[in-house]
C-alpha atoms as a PDB file:
ATOM      1  CA  MET A   1      11.985  -3.593  23.535  1.00  0.00           C
ATOM      2  CA  ARG A   2      10.638  -5.638  20.659  1.00  0.00           C
ATOM      3  CA  ILE A   3       7.383  -4.870  18.928  1.00  0.00           C
ATOM      4  CA  ARG A   4       6.008  -7.549  16.717  1.00  0.00           C
ATOM      5  CA  GLU A   5       2.802  -9.061  15.423  1.00  0.00           C
ATOM      6  CA  GLU A   6       0.567 -10.998  17.847  1.00  0.00           C
ATOM      7  CA  ARG A   7       1.021 -14.577  17.756  1.00  0.00           C
ATOM      8  CA  VAL A   8      -1.459 -17.376  18.922  1.00  0.00           C
ATOM      9  CA  GLU A   9       0.476 -18.096  21.890  1.00  0.00           C
ATOM     10  CA  ASP A  10       0.408 -14.396  23.028  1.00  0.00           C
ATOM     11  CA  ARG A  11      -3.554 -14.485  23.292  1.00  0.00           C
ATOM     12  CA  ASP A  12      -4.027 -15.391  27.053  1.00  0.00           C
ATOM     13  CA  LEU A  13      -1.253 -12.975  28.025  1.00  0.00           C
ATOM     14  CA  ILE A  14      -3.030 -10.106  25.793  1.00  0.00           C
ATOM     15  CA  ARG A  15      -6.188 -10.988  27.651  1.00  0.00           C
ATOM     16  CA  SER A  16      -4.525 -10.669  31.165  1.00  0.00           C
ATOM     17  CA  LEU A  17      -2.817  -7.518  30.121  1.00  0.00           C
ATOM     18  CA  HIS A  18      -5.981  -5.714  29.050  1.00  0.00           C
ATOM     19  CA  THR A  19      -7.886  -6.944  32.206  1.00  0.00           C
ATOM     20  CA  GLN A  20      -4.998  -5.622  34.387  1.00  0.00           C
ATOM     21  CA  ALA A  21      -4.635  -2.325  32.516  1.00  0.00           C
ATOM     22  CA  PHE A  22      -8.419  -1.489  32.528  1.00  0.00           C
ATOM     23  CA  GLY A  23      -9.503  -3.007  35.815  1.00  0.00           C
ATOM     24  CA  THR A  24     -12.151  -4.872  33.870  1.00  0.00           C
ATOM     25  CA  ALA A  25     -12.382  -7.706  31.124  1.00  0.00           C
ATOM     26  CA  ALA A  26     -14.393  -5.579  28.763  1.00  0.00           C
ATOM     27  CA  GLU A  27     -11.540  -4.513  26.623  1.00  0.00           C
ATOM     28  CA  ALA A  28     -10.119  -8.062  26.736  1.00  0.00           C
ATOM     29  CA  ASP A  29     -13.520  -9.486  25.522  1.00  0.00           C
ATOM     30  CA  LEU A  30     -13.548  -6.912  22.776  1.00  0.00           C
ATOM     31  CA  VAL A  31     -10.245  -7.933  21.561  1.00  0.00           C
ATOM     32  CA  ASP A  32     -11.160 -11.527  21.627  1.00  0.00           C
ATOM     33  CA  ALA A  33     -14.513 -10.954  19.967  1.00  0.00           C
ATOM     34  CA  LEU A  34     -12.732  -8.993  17.161  1.00  0.00           C
ATOM     35  CA  ARG A  35      -9.961 -11.518  16.581  1.00  0.00           C
ATOM     36  CA  ASP A  36     -12.463 -14.379  16.497  1.00  0.00           C
ATOM     37  CA  SER A  37     -14.819 -12.449  13.989  1.00  0.00           C
ATOM     38  CA  GLY A  38     -12.275 -12.859  11.338  1.00  0.00           C
ATOM     39  CA  VAL A  39     -12.157  -9.048  10.761  1.00  0.00           C
ATOM     40  CA  PRO A  40      -8.511  -8.212   9.325  1.00  0.00           C
ATOM     41  CA  CYS A  41      -6.763  -6.626  12.299  1.00  0.00           C
ATOM     42  CA  ILE A  42      -3.315  -5.255  12.992  1.00  0.00           C
ATOM     43  CA  SER A  43      -2.465  -6.650  16.407  1.00  0.00           C
ATOM     44  CA  LEU A  44       0.953  -5.805  17.838  1.00  0.00           C
ATOM     45  CA  VAL A  45       2.637  -6.629  21.144  1.00  0.00           C
ATOM     46  CA  ALA A  46       5.578  -5.085  22.953  1.00  0.00           C
ATOM     47  CA  TRP A  47       7.846  -7.525  24.614  1.00  0.00           C
ATOM     48  CA  GLU A  48      10.761  -6.732  26.988  1.00  0.00           C
ATOM     49  CA  ASN A  49      12.847  -9.164  29.225  1.00  0.00           C
ATOM     50  CA  HIS A  50      10.617 -12.039  28.053  1.00  0.00           C
ATOM     51  CA  GLU A  51       7.517 -10.378  29.460  1.00  0.00           C
ATOM     52  CA  LEU A  52       4.552  -8.882  27.499  1.00  0.00           C
ATOM     53  CA  ARG A  53       4.498  -5.205  28.319  1.00  0.00           C
ATOM     54  CA  GLY A  54       1.866  -3.745  25.887  1.00  0.00           C
ATOM     55  CA  HIS A  55      -0.626  -4.461  23.147  1.00  0.00           C
ATOM     56  CA  ILE A  56      -2.465  -2.478  20.385  1.00  0.00           C
ATOM     57  CA  LEU A  57      -5.164  -3.375  18.067  1.00  0.00           C
ATOM     58  CA  PHE A  58      -6.227  -1.740  14.780  1.00  0.00           C
ATOM     59  CA  THR A  59      -9.454  -2.883  13.003  1.00  0.00           C
ATOM     60  CA  PRO A  60     -11.183  -1.460   9.890  1.00  0.00           C
ATOM     61  CA  VAL A  61     -13.693   1.314  10.025  1.00  0.00           C
ATOM     62  CA  ALA A  62     -15.930   2.857   7.396  1.00  0.00           C
ATOM     63  CA  LEU A  63     -16.765   6.558   6.603  1.00  0.00           C
ATOM     64  CA  SER A  64     -20.389   6.929   5.422  1.00  0.00           C
ATOM     65  CA  GLY A  65     -20.479   7.754   1.889  1.00  0.00           C
ATOM     66  CA  HIS A  66     -16.677   6.914   1.016  1.00  0.00           C
ATOM     67  CA  ALA A  67     -16.518   3.224   0.640  1.00  0.00           C
ATOM     68  CA  ASP A  68     -13.448   3.784  -1.471  1.00  0.00           C
ATOM     69  CA  LEU A  69     -11.332   4.845   1.491  1.00  0.00           C
ATOM     70  CA  LYS A  70      -9.343   2.348   3.506  1.00  0.00           C
ATOM     71  CA  LEU A  71      -9.583   3.472   7.180  1.00  0.00           C
ATOM     72  CA  MET A  72      -8.463   1.729  10.509  1.00  0.00           C
ATOM     73  CA  GLY A  73      -9.637   2.482  14.089  1.00  0.00           C
ATOM     74  CA  LEU A  74      -6.940   2.286  16.706  1.00  0.00           C
ATOM     75  CA  ALA A  75      -8.664   0.601  19.759  1.00  0.00           C
ATOM     76  CA  PRO A  76      -7.877  -0.699  22.403  1.00  0.00           C
ATOM     77  CA  MET A  77      -4.327  -0.020  23.529  1.00  0.00           C
ATOM     78  CA  ALA A  78      -3.104  -1.275  26.820  1.00  0.00           C
ATOM     79  CA  VAL A  79       0.227  -1.313  28.862  1.00  0.00           C
ATOM     80  CA  MET A  80       0.872  -3.078  31.955  1.00  0.00           C
ATOM     81  CA  PRO A  81       0.240  -0.801  34.769  1.00  0.00           C
ATOM     82  CA  ALA A  82       3.764  -1.105  36.274  1.00  0.00           C
ATOM     83  CA  TYR A  83       5.190  -0.085  32.894  1.00  0.00           C
ATOM     84  CA  GLN A  84       3.050   2.840  31.910  1.00  0.00           C
ATOM     85  CA  ARG A  85       4.504   6.132  31.261  1.00  0.00           C
ATOM     86  CA  ARG A  86       7.669   4.644  29.877  1.00  0.00           C
ATOM     87  CA  GLY A  87       7.142   5.116  26.131  1.00  0.00           C
ATOM     88  CA  ILE A  88       5.773   1.734  25.484  1.00  0.00           C
ATOM     89  CA  GLY A  89       2.304   2.987  24.405  1.00  0.00           C
ATOM     90  CA  SER A  90       4.171   5.483  22.161  1.00  0.00           C
ATOM     91  CA  ARG A  91       6.183   2.882  20.390  1.00  0.00           C
ATOM     92  CA  LEU A  92       3.110   0.651  19.859  1.00  0.00           C
ATOM     93  CA  VAL A  93       1.206   3.656  18.251  1.00  0.00           C
ATOM     94  CA  GLY A  94       4.230   4.426  16.055  1.00  0.00           C
ATOM     95  CA  ALA A  95       4.806   0.796  14.977  1.00  0.00           C
ATOM     96  CA  GLY A  96       0.972   0.462  14.292  1.00  0.00           C
ATOM     97  CA  LEU A  97       0.708   3.549  12.309  1.00  0.00           C
ATOM     98  CA  GLU A  98       3.725   2.271  10.150  1.00  0.00           C
ATOM     99  CA  ARG A  99       2.025  -0.972   9.657  1.00  0.00           C
ATOM    100  CA  CYS A 100      -1.227   0.543   8.577  1.00  0.00           C
ATOM    101  CA  ALA A 101       0.570   2.866   6.054  1.00  0.00           C
ATOM    102  CA  ALA A 102       2.433  -0.268   4.763  1.00  0.00           C
ATOM    103  CA  ARG A 103      -0.920  -1.958   4.244  1.00  0.00           C
ATOM    104  CA  ASP A 104      -2.230   0.957   2.118  1.00  0.00           C
ATOM    105  CA  TYR A 105      -4.624   2.343   4.659  1.00  0.00           C
ATOM    106  CA  ASP A 106      -5.527   5.839   3.890  1.00  0.00           C
ATOM    107  CA  ALA A 107      -6.114   7.062   7.536  1.00  0.00           C
ATOM    108  CA  VAL A 108      -6.643   6.091  11.011  1.00  0.00           C
ATOM    109  CA  VAL A 109      -9.108   7.139  13.611  1.00  0.00           C
ATOM    110  CA  VAL A 110      -8.812   6.985  17.399  1.00  0.00           C
ATOM    111  CA  LEU A 111     -10.914   7.991  20.428  1.00  0.00           C
ATOM    112  CA  GLY A 112      -8.513   8.948  22.919  1.00  0.00           C
ATOM    113  CA  HIS A 113      -6.691  11.456  25.152  1.00  0.00           C
ATOM    114  CA  PRO A 114      -6.335  14.831  23.277  1.00  0.00           C
ATOM    115  CA  ASP A 115      -3.042  15.477  24.883  1.00  0.00           C
ATOM    116  CA  PHE A 116      -1.442  12.152  23.774  1.00  0.00           C
ATOM    117  CA  TYR A 117      -2.388  11.293  20.213  1.00  0.00           C
ATOM    118  CA  PRO A 118      -1.574  14.701  18.592  1.00  0.00           C
ATOM    119  CA  ARG A 119       2.270  13.878  18.950  1.00  0.00           C
ATOM    120  CA  PHE A 120       1.548  11.077  16.332  1.00  0.00           C
ATOM    121  CA  GLY A 121      -0.178  13.528  13.771  1.00  0.00           C
ATOM    122  CA  PHE A 122      -3.695  12.990  14.959  1.00  0.00           C
ATOM    123  CA  GLU A 123      -6.059  15.946  15.086  1.00  0.00           C
ATOM    124  CA  PRO A 124      -9.730  16.360  15.926  1.00  0.00           C
ATOM    125  CA  SER A 125     -11.730  14.633  13.123  1.00  0.00           C
ATOM    126  CA  ILE A 126     -14.277  17.526  13.235  1.00  0.00           C
ATOM    127  CA  HIS A 127     -11.593  19.526  11.177  1.00  0.00           C
ATOM    128  CA  TYR A 128     -12.525  17.293   8.277  1.00  0.00           C
ATOM    129  CA  ALA A 129     -16.420  17.291   9.146  1.00  0.00           C
ATOM    130  CA  ILE A 130     -16.072  13.620  10.169  1.00  0.00           C
ATOM    131  CA  THR A 131     -17.689  12.522  13.466  1.00  0.00           C
ATOM    132  CA  SER A 132     -18.151   9.299  15.335  1.00  0.00           C
ATOM    133  CA  GLU A 133     -21.195   7.155  15.422  1.00  0.00           C
ATOM    134  CA  TYR A 134     -20.851   7.323  18.971  1.00  0.00           C
ATOM    135  CA  ASP A 135     -21.521  10.416  21.061  1.00  0.00           C
ATOM    136  CA  VAL A 136     -18.069  11.464  22.232  1.00  0.00           C
ATOM    137  CA  PRO A 137     -16.385  14.967  22.694  1.00  0.00           C
ATOM    138  CA  ASP A 138     -15.047  16.468  19.558  1.00  0.00           C
ATOM    139  CA  GLU A 139     -11.622  16.852  20.910  1.00  0.00           C
ATOM    140  CA  ALA A 140     -11.112  13.257  21.814  1.00  0.00           C
ATOM    141  CA  PHE A 141     -12.164  11.814  18.421  1.00  0.00           C
ATOM    142  CA  MET A 142      -9.174  12.230  16.194  1.00  0.00           C
ATOM    143  CA  ILE A 143      -7.938  11.124  12.843  1.00  0.00           C
ATOM    144  CA  ARG A 144      -4.681  11.014  11.071  1.00  0.00           C
ATOM    145  CA  GLU A 145      -4.167  10.786   7.299  1.00  0.00           C
ATOM    146  CA  LEU A 146      -1.674   8.251   6.142  1.00  0.00           C
ATOM    147  CA  ARG A 147      -1.810   9.541   2.613  1.00  0.00           C
ATOM    148  CA  ALA A 148      -1.709  13.328   2.467  1.00  0.00           C
ATOM    149  CA  GLY A 149      -4.723  14.963   1.215  1.00  0.00           C
ATOM    150  CA  VAL A 150      -6.802  11.797   1.110  1.00  0.00           C
ATOM    151  CA  LEU A 151      -9.450  13.378   3.519  1.00  0.00           C
ATOM    152  CA  ARG A 152      -9.781  16.692   1.677  1.00  0.00           C
ATOM    153  CA  ASP A 153     -13.402  17.234   0.624  1.00  0.00           C
ATOM    154  CA  VAL A 154     -14.749  14.363   2.402  1.00  0.00           C
ATOM    155  CA  SER A 155     -17.181  14.267   5.537  1.00  0.00           C
ATOM    156  CA  GLY A 156     -19.158  11.847   7.203  1.00  0.00           C
ATOM    157  CA  ILE A 157     -19.759   9.420  10.249  1.00  0.00           C
ATOM    158  CA  ILE A 158     -17.165   6.892  11.120  1.00  0.00           C
ATOM    159  CA  ARG A 159     -18.632   3.419  11.836  1.00  0.00           C
ATOM    160  CA  TYR A 160     -16.970   0.862  13.765  1.00  0.00           C
ATOM    161  CA  HIS A 161     -17.222  -2.768  13.535  1.00  0.00           C
ATOM    162  CA  PRO A 162     -20.660  -3.926  15.113  1.00  0.00           C
ATOM    163  CA  LEU A 163     -18.929  -5.661  17.872  1.00  0.00           C
ATOM    164  CA  PHE A 164     -17.891  -2.305  19.428  1.00  0.00           C
ATOM    165  CA  ALA A 165     -21.405  -1.458  20.168  1.00  0.00           C
ATOM    166  CA  GLY A 166     -21.663  -4.393  22.697  1.00  0.00           C
ATOM    167  CA  PHE A 167     -18.685  -2.885  24.766  1.00  0.00           C
END
């Protein structure tokens, strides 16, 4: 399997992948809208046997009162239904976190399954007194420091790109 940055020629396949994985076009529409907005994204694809198997997107988020922190939000991630539970999502998350660290981001947040993301070092953000702007369960909103100690003595509300509000 090969993980690489998204290319222009991947876009229709990424759209189809998200629609199949989620059973609706909402996530595909969000990916397209974020990409078209010009917001700096980290968008990775997983290819195997000349087929797109997965996609992950990271976009900047902000922590209220801490404009100096460089933070990313992981969302959405999708794997073709026939290839789920084969480690593709794990490889995408790992590669995405490496890219975020290489681009000097301080931390990454995710709203996701509390049994999946802790294996990558994510922990409930409430441990740092950091919450989401959305009403979500504490155990499902998680954060991972990419620079040790960067979240010490900070607190606040994570705000996503305004396009997320429409989805």
